[in-house]
N, C-alpha and C. Protein backbone atom coordinates (compact mmCIF):
# COMPACT_ATOMS: atom_id res chain seq x y z
N MET A 1 -6.05 21.73 -1.03
CA MET A 1 -6.94 22.65 -0.31
C MET A 1 -7.75 21.88 0.74
N THR A 2 -8.24 20.70 0.39
CA THR A 2 -9.02 19.92 1.35
C THR A 2 -8.18 19.55 2.56
N ALA A 3 -6.92 19.17 2.31
CA ALA A 3 -6.04 18.82 3.41
C ALA A 3 -5.87 19.99 4.37
N ARG A 4 -5.77 21.19 3.83
CA ARG A 4 -5.60 22.37 4.67
C ARG A 4 -6.86 22.65 5.49
N TYR A 5 -8.05 22.45 4.91
CA TYR A 5 -9.29 22.65 5.64
C TYR A 5 -9.40 21.66 6.81
N VAL A 6 -9.06 20.41 6.54
CA VAL A 6 -9.11 19.39 7.59
C VAL A 6 -8.09 19.72 8.68
N ALA A 7 -6.91 20.16 8.28
CA ALA A 7 -5.88 20.54 9.25
C ALA A 7 -6.38 21.67 10.15
N ALA A 8 -7.08 22.64 9.56
CA ALA A 8 -7.58 23.77 10.33
C ALA A 8 -8.57 23.32 11.40
N LEU A 9 -9.35 22.28 11.11
CA LEU A 9 -10.28 21.76 12.11
C LEU A 9 -9.53 21.17 13.31
N PHE A 10 -8.48 20.42 13.04
CA PHE A 10 -7.67 19.86 14.13
C PHE A 10 -7.01 20.97 14.94
N GLU A 11 -6.48 21.96 14.25
CA GLU A 11 -5.78 23.05 14.94
C GLU A 11 -6.73 23.87 15.79
N ALA A 12 -7.98 24.00 15.34
CA ALA A 12 -8.96 24.82 16.05
C ALA A 12 -9.30 24.24 17.42
N VAL A 13 -9.17 22.94 17.58
CA VAL A 13 -9.48 22.32 18.87
C VAL A 13 -8.22 22.05 19.69
N GLY A 14 -7.10 22.61 19.26
CA GLY A 14 -5.88 22.55 20.06
C GLY A 14 -5.06 21.28 19.93
N THR A 15 -5.12 20.62 18.80
CA THR A 15 -4.32 19.41 18.59
C THR A 15 -2.84 19.76 18.61
N ASP A 16 -2.07 19.02 19.40
CA ASP A 16 -0.64 19.29 19.52
C ASP A 16 0.20 18.64 18.43
N ARG A 17 -0.22 17.47 18.00
CA ARG A 17 0.56 16.73 17.01
C ARG A 17 -0.37 15.76 16.28
N VAL A 18 -0.11 15.55 15.00
CA VAL A 18 -0.93 14.64 14.20
C VAL A 18 -0.05 13.51 13.67
N LEU A 19 -0.45 12.28 13.98
CA LEU A 19 0.23 11.10 13.43
C LEU A 19 -0.69 10.46 12.41
N ALA A 20 -0.17 10.14 11.25
CA ALA A 20 -0.97 9.52 10.19
C ALA A 20 -0.21 8.36 9.59
N VAL A 21 -0.94 7.32 9.25
CA VAL A 21 -0.34 6.13 8.65
C VAL A 21 -0.53 6.17 7.14
N GLU A 22 0.58 6.12 6.42
CA GLU A 22 0.59 5.98 4.96
C GLU A 22 -0.37 6.95 4.27
N VAL A 23 -0.02 8.23 4.31
CA VAL A 23 -0.87 9.24 3.66
C VAL A 23 -0.71 9.15 2.14
N HIS A 24 -1.74 9.58 1.43
CA HIS A 24 -1.74 9.48 -0.03
C HIS A 24 -0.79 10.50 -0.65
N ASN A 25 -0.79 11.71 -0.09
CA ASN A 25 0.03 12.79 -0.62
C ASN A 25 0.85 13.38 0.52
N GLU A 26 2.11 12.99 0.61
CA GLU A 26 2.95 13.43 1.73
C GLU A 26 3.14 14.94 1.77
N ALA A 27 3.32 15.55 0.61
CA ALA A 27 3.54 17.01 0.56
C ALA A 27 2.32 17.75 1.08
N ALA A 28 1.12 17.33 0.68
CA ALA A 28 -0.10 17.98 1.14
C ALA A 28 -0.28 17.80 2.64
N PHE A 29 0.08 16.63 3.15
CA PHE A 29 -0.04 16.36 4.58
C PHE A 29 0.92 17.24 5.38
N GLU A 30 2.18 17.27 4.96
CA GLU A 30 3.19 18.02 5.70
C GLU A 30 2.96 19.53 5.61
N ASN A 31 2.53 20.00 4.45
CA ASN A 31 2.35 21.44 4.26
C ASN A 31 1.00 21.94 4.77
N GLY A 32 0.04 21.03 4.94
CA GLY A 32 -1.30 21.45 5.33
C GLY A 32 -1.43 21.82 6.79
N PHE A 33 -0.60 21.22 7.63
CA PHE A 33 -0.72 21.44 9.07
C PHE A 33 0.29 22.47 9.56
N ARG A 34 -0.12 23.25 10.55
CA ARG A 34 0.79 24.18 11.20
C ARG A 34 1.37 23.56 12.48
N CYS A 35 0.69 22.56 13.01
CA CYS A 35 1.22 21.85 14.18
C CYS A 35 2.12 20.72 13.69
N PRO A 36 2.95 20.13 14.57
CA PRO A 36 3.86 19.06 14.14
C PRO A 36 3.09 17.84 13.60
N THR A 37 3.65 17.22 12.59
CA THR A 37 3.04 16.03 12.00
C THR A 37 4.08 14.90 11.93
N VAL A 38 3.58 13.67 11.95
CA VAL A 38 4.44 12.50 11.80
C VAL A 38 3.77 11.58 10.78
N HIS A 39 4.50 11.27 9.72
CA HIS A 39 3.99 10.34 8.71
C HIS A 39 4.59 8.96 8.96
N LEU A 40 3.76 7.99 9.30
CA LEU A 40 4.22 6.64 9.58
C LEU A 40 4.02 5.77 8.33
N THR A 41 5.09 5.18 7.84
CA THR A 41 4.98 4.33 6.67
C THR A 41 4.82 2.87 7.11
N THR A 42 4.23 2.09 6.22
CA THR A 42 4.02 0.67 6.50
C THR A 42 5.07 -0.21 5.83
N ALA A 43 6.13 0.40 5.33
CA ALA A 43 7.16 -0.35 4.60
C ALA A 43 7.75 -1.48 5.45
N ASP A 44 8.04 -1.20 6.73
CA ASP A 44 8.63 -2.22 7.60
C ASP A 44 7.66 -3.37 7.86
N LEU A 45 6.38 -3.05 8.05
CA LEU A 45 5.38 -4.09 8.30
C LEU A 45 5.29 -5.04 7.11
N PHE A 46 5.17 -4.47 5.92
CA PHE A 46 5.04 -5.30 4.72
C PHE A 46 6.34 -6.06 4.43
N ALA A 47 7.47 -5.41 4.66
CA ALA A 47 8.75 -6.06 4.40
C ALA A 47 8.93 -7.27 5.30
N ALA A 48 8.58 -7.13 6.57
CA ALA A 48 8.70 -8.26 7.50
C ALA A 48 7.81 -9.42 7.06
N HIS A 49 6.62 -9.10 6.59
CA HIS A 49 5.69 -10.15 6.14
C HIS A 49 6.20 -10.87 4.90
N PHE A 50 6.56 -10.10 3.89
CA PHE A 50 6.95 -10.73 2.62
C PHE A 50 8.33 -11.39 2.71
N ALA A 51 9.18 -10.94 3.60
CA ALA A 51 10.48 -11.60 3.78
C ALA A 51 10.28 -13.02 4.30
N ARG A 52 9.21 -13.22 5.05
CA ARG A 52 8.93 -14.56 5.58
C ARG A 52 8.34 -15.48 4.53
N ILE A 53 7.43 -14.97 3.70
CA ILE A 53 6.73 -15.86 2.77
C ILE A 53 7.43 -16.01 1.43
N ALA A 54 8.29 -15.04 1.08
CA ALA A 54 8.92 -15.09 -0.24
C ALA A 54 10.07 -16.09 -0.28
N ARG A 55 10.79 -16.21 0.83
CA ARG A 55 11.92 -17.12 0.94
C ARG A 55 12.94 -16.85 -0.17
N ASN A 56 13.21 -17.84 -1.04
CA ASN A 56 14.24 -17.67 -2.06
C ASN A 56 13.69 -17.29 -3.43
N ASP A 57 12.40 -16.93 -3.49
CA ASP A 57 11.82 -16.56 -4.78
C ASP A 57 12.42 -15.25 -5.28
N PRO A 58 12.69 -15.14 -6.58
CA PRO A 58 13.11 -13.85 -7.12
C PRO A 58 11.94 -12.86 -7.04
N LEU A 59 12.20 -11.70 -6.48
CA LEU A 59 11.13 -10.73 -6.22
C LEU A 59 11.24 -9.49 -7.09
N VAL A 60 10.09 -8.89 -7.34
CA VAL A 60 10.05 -7.58 -7.99
C VAL A 60 8.90 -6.79 -7.38
N VAL A 61 9.17 -5.56 -6.99
CA VAL A 61 8.16 -4.68 -6.41
C VAL A 61 7.65 -3.77 -7.52
N VAL A 62 6.34 -3.78 -7.72
CA VAL A 62 5.74 -3.01 -8.81
C VAL A 62 4.73 -2.02 -8.25
N SER A 63 4.81 -0.78 -8.68
CA SER A 63 3.81 0.22 -8.34
C SER A 63 2.69 0.14 -9.39
N PRO A 64 1.43 0.12 -8.98
CA PRO A 64 0.33 0.02 -9.96
C PRO A 64 0.11 1.28 -10.78
N ASP A 65 0.81 2.35 -10.44
CA ASP A 65 0.79 3.56 -11.27
C ASP A 65 2.05 4.37 -11.00
N ALA A 66 2.34 5.29 -11.89
CA ALA A 66 3.58 6.06 -11.78
C ALA A 66 3.62 6.92 -10.53
N GLY A 67 2.44 7.34 -10.05
CA GLY A 67 2.39 8.21 -8.87
C GLY A 67 2.84 7.53 -7.59
N GLY A 68 2.83 6.20 -7.57
CA GLY A 68 3.21 5.49 -6.37
C GLY A 68 4.62 4.94 -6.39
N VAL A 69 5.41 5.35 -7.39
CA VAL A 69 6.76 4.81 -7.54
C VAL A 69 7.64 5.10 -6.32
N LYS A 70 7.53 6.29 -5.77
CA LYS A 70 8.35 6.66 -4.61
C LYS A 70 8.02 5.76 -3.42
N ARG A 71 6.73 5.51 -3.20
CA ARG A 71 6.31 4.65 -2.10
C ARG A 71 6.81 3.22 -2.31
N ALA A 72 6.67 2.73 -3.54
CA ALA A 72 7.11 1.37 -3.85
C ALA A 72 8.62 1.23 -3.71
N GLU A 73 9.35 2.27 -4.08
CA GLU A 73 10.81 2.22 -3.98
C GLU A 73 11.26 2.18 -2.52
N ARG A 74 10.57 2.93 -1.66
CA ARG A 74 10.89 2.90 -0.23
C ARG A 74 10.68 1.48 0.32
N PHE A 75 9.58 0.86 -0.08
CA PHE A 75 9.32 -0.52 0.35
C PHE A 75 10.34 -1.48 -0.24
N ARG A 76 10.69 -1.30 -1.50
CA ARG A 76 11.66 -2.20 -2.14
C ARG A 76 12.99 -2.17 -1.42
N ARG A 77 13.47 -0.98 -1.05
CA ARG A 77 14.74 -0.87 -0.33
C ARG A 77 14.66 -1.55 1.03
N THR A 78 13.54 -1.36 1.72
CA THR A 78 13.36 -1.98 3.04
C THR A 78 13.34 -3.50 2.92
N LEU A 79 12.63 -4.01 1.91
CA LEU A 79 12.55 -5.46 1.71
C LEU A 79 13.91 -6.02 1.30
N GLU A 80 14.66 -5.26 0.52
CA GLU A 80 15.98 -5.69 0.10
C GLU A 80 16.91 -5.84 1.31
N GLN A 81 16.80 -4.92 2.26
CA GLN A 81 17.60 -5.00 3.48
C GLN A 81 17.21 -6.21 4.32
N ARG A 82 15.92 -6.50 4.34
CA ARG A 82 15.42 -7.63 5.12
C ARG A 82 15.88 -8.96 4.55
N THR A 83 15.87 -9.07 3.23
CA THR A 83 16.14 -10.35 2.57
C THR A 83 17.60 -10.50 2.14
N SER A 84 18.35 -9.40 2.15
CA SER A 84 19.74 -9.41 1.67
C SER A 84 19.83 -9.95 0.24
N ALA A 85 18.81 -9.66 -0.54
CA ALA A 85 18.77 -10.11 -1.94
C ALA A 85 18.44 -8.93 -2.84
N ALA A 86 18.93 -8.99 -4.07
CA ALA A 86 18.64 -7.94 -5.03
C ALA A 86 17.18 -8.06 -5.47
N ILE A 87 16.44 -6.96 -5.42
CA ILE A 87 15.03 -6.96 -5.77
C ILE A 87 14.79 -5.92 -6.86
N ASP A 88 14.16 -6.34 -7.93
CA ASP A 88 13.88 -5.44 -9.04
C ASP A 88 12.64 -4.59 -8.77
N SER A 89 12.41 -3.61 -9.63
CA SER A 89 11.25 -2.74 -9.48
C SER A 89 10.60 -2.50 -10.84
N GLY A 90 9.40 -1.98 -10.80
CA GLY A 90 8.69 -1.66 -12.03
C GLY A 90 7.44 -0.86 -11.71
N PHE A 91 6.73 -0.45 -12.73
CA PHE A 91 5.45 0.23 -12.52
C PHE A 91 4.55 0.02 -13.74
N VAL A 92 3.27 0.24 -13.54
CA VAL A 92 2.29 0.09 -14.60
C VAL A 92 1.74 1.47 -14.94
N GLU A 93 1.68 1.76 -16.21
CA GLU A 93 1.16 3.06 -16.65
C GLU A 93 -0.35 3.13 -16.42
N LYS A 94 -0.82 4.30 -15.98
CA LYS A 94 -2.25 4.52 -15.79
C LYS A 94 -2.59 5.95 -16.14
N TYR A 95 -3.66 6.12 -16.88
CA TYR A 95 -4.12 7.45 -17.27
C TYR A 95 -5.58 7.60 -16.87
N ARG A 96 -5.93 8.79 -16.39
CA ARG A 96 -7.32 9.06 -16.00
C ARG A 96 -7.79 10.32 -16.71
N SER A 97 -8.87 10.22 -17.44
CA SER A 97 -9.41 11.36 -18.17
C SER A 97 -10.93 11.27 -18.16
N GLY A 98 -11.57 12.32 -17.65
CA GLY A 98 -13.03 12.33 -17.61
C GLY A 98 -13.62 11.20 -16.79
N GLY A 99 -12.89 10.78 -15.75
CA GLY A 99 -13.36 9.69 -14.91
C GLY A 99 -13.12 8.31 -15.49
N ILE A 100 -12.49 8.23 -16.67
CA ILE A 100 -12.20 6.96 -17.32
C ILE A 100 -10.73 6.62 -17.12
N VAL A 101 -10.45 5.42 -16.59
CA VAL A 101 -9.08 4.96 -16.38
C VAL A 101 -8.65 4.10 -17.55
N SER A 102 -7.48 4.41 -18.11
CA SER A 102 -6.96 3.63 -19.23
C SER A 102 -5.48 3.36 -19.00
N GLY A 103 -4.85 2.71 -19.95
CA GLY A 103 -3.44 2.35 -19.81
C GLY A 103 -3.30 0.94 -19.27
N GLY A 104 -2.09 0.53 -19.01
CA GLY A 104 -1.85 -0.81 -18.51
C GLY A 104 -0.53 -1.39 -18.97
N SER A 105 0.29 -0.56 -19.62
CA SER A 105 1.60 -1.04 -20.06
C SER A 105 2.52 -1.20 -18.86
N LEU A 106 3.22 -2.32 -18.81
CA LEU A 106 4.12 -2.61 -17.69
C LEU A 106 5.54 -2.21 -18.03
N VAL A 107 6.17 -1.49 -17.13
CA VAL A 107 7.57 -1.13 -17.26
C VAL A 107 8.34 -1.92 -16.21
N GLY A 108 9.15 -2.88 -16.67
CA GLY A 108 9.89 -3.72 -15.75
C GLY A 108 9.78 -5.18 -16.15
N ALA A 109 10.74 -5.99 -15.69
CA ALA A 109 10.78 -7.42 -16.03
C ALA A 109 10.23 -8.24 -14.87
N VAL A 110 9.15 -8.98 -15.13
CA VAL A 110 8.51 -9.76 -14.06
C VAL A 110 8.40 -11.25 -14.40
N ALA A 111 8.79 -11.65 -15.58
CA ALA A 111 8.62 -13.04 -16.01
C ALA A 111 9.29 -14.02 -15.05
N GLY A 112 8.51 -14.98 -14.56
CA GLY A 112 9.05 -16.00 -13.66
C GLY A 112 9.32 -15.53 -12.25
N LYS A 113 8.93 -14.32 -11.91
CA LYS A 113 9.23 -13.76 -10.59
C LYS A 113 7.97 -13.62 -9.75
N THR A 114 8.16 -13.45 -8.46
CA THR A 114 7.06 -13.14 -7.55
C THR A 114 6.91 -11.63 -7.48
N VAL A 115 5.75 -11.15 -7.88
CA VAL A 115 5.48 -9.71 -7.94
C VAL A 115 4.71 -9.27 -6.69
N ILE A 116 5.16 -8.17 -6.10
CA ILE A 116 4.43 -7.54 -5.01
C ILE A 116 3.94 -6.19 -5.51
N LEU A 117 2.64 -6.06 -5.70
CA LEU A 117 2.03 -4.81 -6.15
C LEU A 117 1.69 -3.98 -4.91
N LEU A 118 2.35 -2.85 -4.75
CA LEU A 118 2.18 -2.05 -3.54
C LEU A 118 1.45 -0.75 -3.84
N ASP A 119 0.41 -0.47 -3.06
CA ASP A 119 -0.31 0.80 -3.16
C ASP A 119 -0.63 1.29 -1.76
N ASP A 120 -1.09 2.54 -1.64
CA ASP A 120 -1.41 3.05 -0.31
C ASP A 120 -2.81 2.64 0.12
N LEU A 121 -3.74 2.51 -0.83
CA LEU A 121 -5.09 2.11 -0.46
C LEU A 121 -5.77 1.38 -1.61
N ILE A 122 -6.77 0.60 -1.25
CA ILE A 122 -7.62 -0.07 -2.23
C ILE A 122 -9.03 0.45 -2.04
N SER A 123 -9.61 0.99 -3.09
CA SER A 123 -11.01 1.42 -3.03
C SER A 123 -11.84 0.42 -3.83
N THR A 124 -12.04 0.68 -5.09
CA THR A 124 -12.77 -0.28 -5.92
C THR A 124 -11.89 -1.46 -6.31
N GLY A 125 -10.56 -1.25 -6.26
CA GLY A 125 -9.63 -2.30 -6.64
C GLY A 125 -9.25 -2.30 -8.10
N THR A 126 -9.82 -1.38 -8.88
CA THR A 126 -9.58 -1.36 -10.32
C THR A 126 -8.11 -1.18 -10.66
N THR A 127 -7.44 -0.29 -9.95
CA THR A 127 -6.03 -0.02 -10.24
C THR A 127 -5.17 -1.26 -10.02
N LEU A 128 -5.35 -1.91 -8.87
CA LEU A 128 -4.56 -3.11 -8.58
C LEU A 128 -4.89 -4.25 -9.53
N LEU A 129 -6.16 -4.41 -9.85
CA LEU A 129 -6.56 -5.48 -10.76
C LEU A 129 -5.97 -5.28 -12.14
N ARG A 130 -5.97 -4.04 -12.61
CA ARG A 130 -5.39 -3.74 -13.92
C ARG A 130 -3.89 -4.06 -13.91
N ALA A 131 -3.22 -3.68 -12.83
CA ALA A 131 -1.78 -3.92 -12.73
C ALA A 131 -1.48 -5.42 -12.61
N ALA A 132 -2.29 -6.13 -11.84
CA ALA A 132 -2.09 -7.57 -11.69
C ALA A 132 -2.25 -8.29 -13.03
N GLY A 133 -3.24 -7.87 -13.80
CA GLY A 133 -3.44 -8.46 -15.12
C GLY A 133 -2.25 -8.23 -16.04
N ALA A 134 -1.67 -7.04 -15.96
CA ALA A 134 -0.50 -6.73 -16.78
C ALA A 134 0.69 -7.60 -16.39
N CYS A 135 0.85 -7.83 -15.09
CA CYS A 135 1.97 -8.65 -14.61
C CYS A 135 1.77 -10.12 -15.01
N ARG A 136 0.56 -10.62 -14.90
CA ARG A 136 0.28 -11.99 -15.33
C ARG A 136 0.54 -12.16 -16.82
N LYS A 137 0.12 -11.19 -17.59
CA LYS A 137 0.31 -11.24 -19.04
C LYS A 137 1.79 -11.25 -19.39
N ALA A 138 2.61 -10.61 -18.55
CA ALA A 138 4.05 -10.54 -18.79
C ALA A 138 4.79 -11.75 -18.22
N GLY A 139 4.05 -12.72 -17.66
CA GLY A 139 4.67 -13.97 -17.22
C GLY A 139 5.05 -14.06 -15.77
N ALA A 140 4.47 -13.23 -14.91
CA ALA A 140 4.79 -13.29 -13.48
C ALA A 140 4.41 -14.65 -12.90
N GLY A 141 5.26 -15.18 -12.01
CA GLY A 141 4.99 -16.48 -11.41
C GLY A 141 3.91 -16.40 -10.35
N HIS A 142 4.04 -15.44 -9.43
CA HIS A 142 3.05 -15.19 -8.38
C HIS A 142 2.83 -13.69 -8.30
N VAL A 143 1.61 -13.30 -7.93
CA VAL A 143 1.29 -11.88 -7.78
C VAL A 143 0.57 -11.66 -6.46
N TYR A 144 1.15 -10.80 -5.63
CA TYR A 144 0.53 -10.43 -4.36
C TYR A 144 0.21 -8.94 -4.37
N GLY A 145 -0.94 -8.60 -3.81
CA GLY A 145 -1.30 -7.20 -3.64
C GLY A 145 -1.03 -6.77 -2.21
N ALA A 146 -0.59 -5.54 -2.03
CA ALA A 146 -0.34 -5.01 -0.69
C ALA A 146 -0.78 -3.55 -0.64
N ALA A 147 -1.57 -3.22 0.36
CA ALA A 147 -2.03 -1.84 0.52
C ALA A 147 -2.31 -1.57 1.99
N ALA A 148 -1.94 -0.40 2.45
CA ALA A 148 -2.13 -0.07 3.86
C ALA A 148 -3.61 -0.01 4.22
N HIS A 149 -4.41 0.63 3.37
CA HIS A 149 -5.81 0.89 3.72
C HIS A 149 -6.75 0.13 2.79
N ALA A 150 -7.49 -0.81 3.35
CA ALA A 150 -8.45 -1.61 2.56
C ALA A 150 -9.83 -1.00 2.72
N VAL A 151 -10.18 -0.06 1.85
CA VAL A 151 -11.44 0.67 1.98
C VAL A 151 -12.62 -0.16 1.46
N PHE A 152 -12.53 -0.65 0.23
CA PHE A 152 -13.56 -1.50 -0.36
C PHE A 152 -14.98 -0.98 -0.09
N PRO A 153 -15.33 0.18 -0.65
CA PRO A 153 -16.66 0.75 -0.38
C PRO A 153 -17.82 -0.14 -0.81
N SER A 154 -17.60 -0.99 -1.81
CA SER A 154 -18.68 -1.85 -2.29
C SER A 154 -18.68 -3.22 -1.63
N GLY A 155 -17.80 -3.42 -0.64
CA GLY A 155 -17.76 -4.69 0.06
C GLY A 155 -16.64 -5.60 -0.39
N GLY A 156 -16.11 -5.38 -1.60
CA GLY A 156 -14.96 -6.12 -2.08
C GLY A 156 -15.20 -7.59 -2.38
N THR A 157 -16.45 -8.00 -2.50
CA THR A 157 -16.74 -9.42 -2.67
C THR A 157 -16.25 -9.98 -4.00
N ASP A 158 -16.08 -9.12 -5.00
CA ASP A 158 -15.68 -9.61 -6.32
C ASP A 158 -14.21 -9.38 -6.61
N PHE A 159 -13.43 -8.97 -5.61
CA PHE A 159 -12.04 -8.60 -5.87
C PHE A 159 -11.21 -9.78 -6.34
N PHE A 160 -11.49 -10.97 -5.81
CA PHE A 160 -10.67 -12.14 -6.14
C PHE A 160 -11.26 -13.00 -7.25
N THR A 161 -12.37 -12.59 -7.83
CA THR A 161 -12.99 -13.41 -8.87
C THR A 161 -12.16 -13.46 -10.14
N HIS A 162 -11.26 -12.49 -10.33
CA HIS A 162 -10.45 -12.46 -11.55
C HIS A 162 -9.32 -13.50 -11.51
N GLY A 163 -8.93 -13.92 -10.33
CA GLY A 163 -7.91 -14.96 -10.21
C GLY A 163 -6.49 -14.52 -10.48
N ASP A 164 -6.24 -13.21 -10.53
CA ASP A 164 -4.88 -12.73 -10.82
C ASP A 164 -4.01 -12.64 -9.58
N PHE A 165 -4.62 -12.67 -8.39
CA PHE A 165 -3.86 -12.52 -7.16
C PHE A 165 -3.70 -13.85 -6.44
N ASP A 166 -2.48 -14.08 -5.93
CA ASP A 166 -2.23 -15.22 -5.05
C ASP A 166 -2.56 -14.87 -3.61
N GLY A 167 -2.64 -13.60 -3.30
CA GLY A 167 -2.97 -13.17 -1.96
C GLY A 167 -3.00 -11.66 -1.87
N LEU A 168 -3.65 -11.15 -0.85
CA LEU A 168 -3.75 -9.72 -0.61
C LEU A 168 -3.37 -9.45 0.83
N VAL A 169 -2.47 -8.47 1.05
CA VAL A 169 -2.01 -8.12 2.39
C VAL A 169 -2.37 -6.66 2.65
N VAL A 170 -3.08 -6.42 3.74
CA VAL A 170 -3.49 -5.06 4.12
C VAL A 170 -3.17 -4.87 5.60
N THR A 171 -3.45 -3.68 6.12
CA THR A 171 -3.30 -3.44 7.55
C THR A 171 -4.68 -3.21 8.16
N ASP A 172 -4.70 -3.05 9.48
CA ASP A 172 -5.98 -2.87 10.18
C ASP A 172 -6.35 -1.40 10.40
N THR A 173 -5.78 -0.49 9.61
CA THR A 173 -6.14 0.92 9.76
C THR A 173 -7.61 1.16 9.45
N VAL A 174 -8.16 0.36 8.54
CA VAL A 174 -9.58 0.42 8.20
C VAL A 174 -10.14 -0.99 8.36
N PRO A 175 -11.22 -1.18 9.11
CA PRO A 175 -11.79 -2.52 9.26
C PRO A 175 -12.23 -3.08 7.90
N LEU A 176 -11.97 -4.35 7.69
CA LEU A 176 -12.44 -4.99 6.46
C LEU A 176 -13.96 -5.02 6.43
N PRO A 177 -14.56 -4.94 5.24
CA PRO A 177 -16.01 -5.13 5.14
C PRO A 177 -16.39 -6.47 5.73
N ALA A 178 -17.57 -6.55 6.32
CA ALA A 178 -18.01 -7.78 6.97
C ALA A 178 -17.96 -8.97 6.02
N SER A 179 -18.27 -8.73 4.75
CA SER A 179 -18.30 -9.82 3.78
C SER A 179 -16.91 -10.42 3.57
N MET A 180 -15.86 -9.62 3.72
CA MET A 180 -14.50 -10.11 3.53
C MET A 180 -13.90 -10.63 4.84
N ALA A 181 -14.20 -9.97 5.93
CA ALA A 181 -13.66 -10.39 7.22
C ALA A 181 -14.17 -11.77 7.61
N ALA A 182 -15.36 -12.12 7.13
CA ALA A 182 -15.95 -13.41 7.48
C ALA A 182 -15.39 -14.56 6.65
N GLU A 183 -14.60 -14.24 5.63
CA GLU A 183 -14.07 -15.28 4.75
C GLU A 183 -12.56 -15.16 4.61
N PRO A 184 -11.79 -15.50 5.67
CA PRO A 184 -10.34 -15.39 5.61
C PRO A 184 -9.72 -16.29 4.55
N ALA A 185 -10.45 -17.32 4.11
CA ALA A 185 -9.91 -18.23 3.11
C ALA A 185 -9.73 -17.56 1.75
N GLN A 186 -10.26 -16.36 1.60
CA GLN A 186 -10.12 -15.65 0.34
C GLN A 186 -8.67 -15.23 0.07
N GLY A 187 -7.79 -15.41 1.04
CA GLY A 187 -6.40 -15.07 0.82
C GLY A 187 -6.03 -13.69 1.30
N ILE A 188 -6.75 -13.15 2.26
CA ILE A 188 -6.49 -11.81 2.79
C ILE A 188 -5.75 -11.93 4.11
N THR A 189 -4.62 -11.24 4.21
CA THR A 189 -3.85 -11.19 5.46
C THR A 189 -3.91 -9.76 5.99
N VAL A 190 -4.26 -9.60 7.26
CA VAL A 190 -4.35 -8.28 7.88
C VAL A 190 -3.21 -8.11 8.87
N LEU A 191 -2.37 -7.09 8.66
CA LEU A 191 -1.24 -6.82 9.54
C LEU A 191 -1.64 -5.83 10.63
N ASP A 192 -1.14 -6.04 11.82
CA ASP A 192 -1.45 -5.22 12.99
C ASP A 192 -0.56 -3.98 13.03
N THR A 193 -1.17 -2.80 13.17
CA THR A 193 -0.41 -1.55 13.22
C THR A 193 -0.25 -1.01 14.63
N SER A 194 -0.73 -1.74 15.64
CA SER A 194 -0.74 -1.20 17.00
C SER A 194 0.65 -0.88 17.52
N VAL A 195 1.63 -1.76 17.25
CA VAL A 195 2.99 -1.52 17.73
C VAL A 195 3.59 -0.30 17.05
N LEU A 196 3.35 -0.16 15.75
CA LEU A 196 3.85 1.00 15.00
C LEU A 196 3.32 2.30 15.62
N LEU A 197 2.02 2.35 15.88
CA LEU A 197 1.41 3.55 16.43
C LEU A 197 1.85 3.78 17.88
N ALA A 198 1.92 2.71 18.67
CA ALA A 198 2.31 2.84 20.07
C ALA A 198 3.73 3.39 20.20
N GLU A 199 4.63 2.88 19.37
CA GLU A 199 6.02 3.35 19.43
C GLU A 199 6.12 4.82 19.02
N ALA A 200 5.35 5.22 18.01
CA ALA A 200 5.37 6.62 17.56
C ALA A 200 4.85 7.54 18.67
N ILE A 201 3.78 7.11 19.34
CA ILE A 201 3.23 7.92 20.43
C ILE A 201 4.23 8.01 21.58
N ALA A 202 4.87 6.89 21.91
CA ALA A 202 5.86 6.89 23.00
C ALA A 202 7.03 7.81 22.66
N GLN A 203 7.51 7.75 21.42
CA GLN A 203 8.61 8.61 21.00
C GLN A 203 8.21 10.09 21.07
N ALA A 204 6.97 10.39 20.70
CA ALA A 204 6.50 11.78 20.74
C ALA A 204 6.48 12.29 22.18
N HIS A 205 6.07 11.45 23.11
CA HIS A 205 6.02 11.85 24.53
C HIS A 205 7.44 12.06 25.07
N ARG A 206 8.42 11.38 24.47
CA ARG A 206 9.81 11.56 24.90
C ARG A 206 10.48 12.73 24.20
N GLY A 207 9.73 13.39 23.34
CA GLY A 207 10.28 14.53 22.62
C GLY A 207 11.18 14.17 21.47
N ARG A 208 11.02 12.95 20.94
CA ARG A 208 11.84 12.49 19.82
C ARG A 208 11.06 12.52 18.52
């Protein structure tokens, strides 16, 4: 319902087309608007990055919850094409009831492998941290977090204190909090989305 209300605001001012990067709920986005929409995924951006740093490490792409399995699978296939190597997948169970998050069982084999935990956004970081802990407990060699939108409403200063992540990769759709942007040594890599957006806009102007 909220998506439809927001869509109505755009339509009321005569918006011709809406481009969005890595939406949380694709069905709500596509069904909410009456004008044309384009959903841009970050799978290619992340795949290009991890193909460079992973090299010959055995990889596994893990979704931090069951709801993100489709997104993680799209990224896994893209990364597999980039690396020409077989890449496993998995997910971590998560339950939410009364505002309390529980669960943490890992489905998938990660022992001795480099794990890429993929989500669409990071807010408090609880979901990714819980999933990273599960992967470490299961014997993962390295664990990287990846998310399109780094929201971090509380500043994110304590995200790396747990020591479960070897690095975090995000995009520039949302500016990093000042506390994190000032300390690149924390292991945060920010990917540029300008080419992705520019190409989509150019294609739209060409009627494609």
